[in-house]
């Protein structure tokens, strides 16, 4: 199904431009994520190499551009290809939300003194961070070529991420590691929650490669 929509994107100038813009948005949000993680977890100071607010503004501008292009495309083509336009709009909304959560992590880094260490939860946190980073790469690859098999495999391989984020967050609430100070506990809880949300939005994008429009955001049904 997605390969048919992909063919539609590539046939029309407006849709092709909107489709390619979504890749740029994914690249920008990944850059934001990596810089946010670096600042929060590996730096003693609060300096950020990139202007996260300028990048967030660029993401918002791209989202409006994609919506405009999709609308103009549908206005000309009519309802015949409505689904392909709705899918693209759905995807760029997910990307825009990733940018928002990444900006939240930067603001957390700017207000947290020193490096954030996870204590008892450090090993799980590192695994989640690595999984989210890889999810950016795999989501873009699946979406670019419309590879449903690769998308299914990716969704299966990282189904554990949200569960681990929730377990760790509630472990912090239960004070399972009493050596973690209150400020760090709050920061870790927020960080786990935002990593979960970024991961969820990346998964939503990947499901668009596998599922029909009404099931975007849900795990693929077993064949």
Foldseek 3Di string as FASTA:
>chain_A
DVVVLVVVQVVDPLSVVLLVLLLVLLVLLLVLQVQLLCLAAPWQALDTPDDLVVSLVVLVVSLVSSLVSLVVVCVVVPCPSVQSSVLSNLLSVLSNVSSVLSVVSSVLSNPDGGHQALVVCRVVVVVLSVLLSVLSVQLSVCSVNLDLVSLLVNCVVCVCLLVSLVVSLVCLVVCVPVVDDPSSSVSSNSVSVSSNSNSQSSNLSSVVSHDRPVQRSHRDDDD
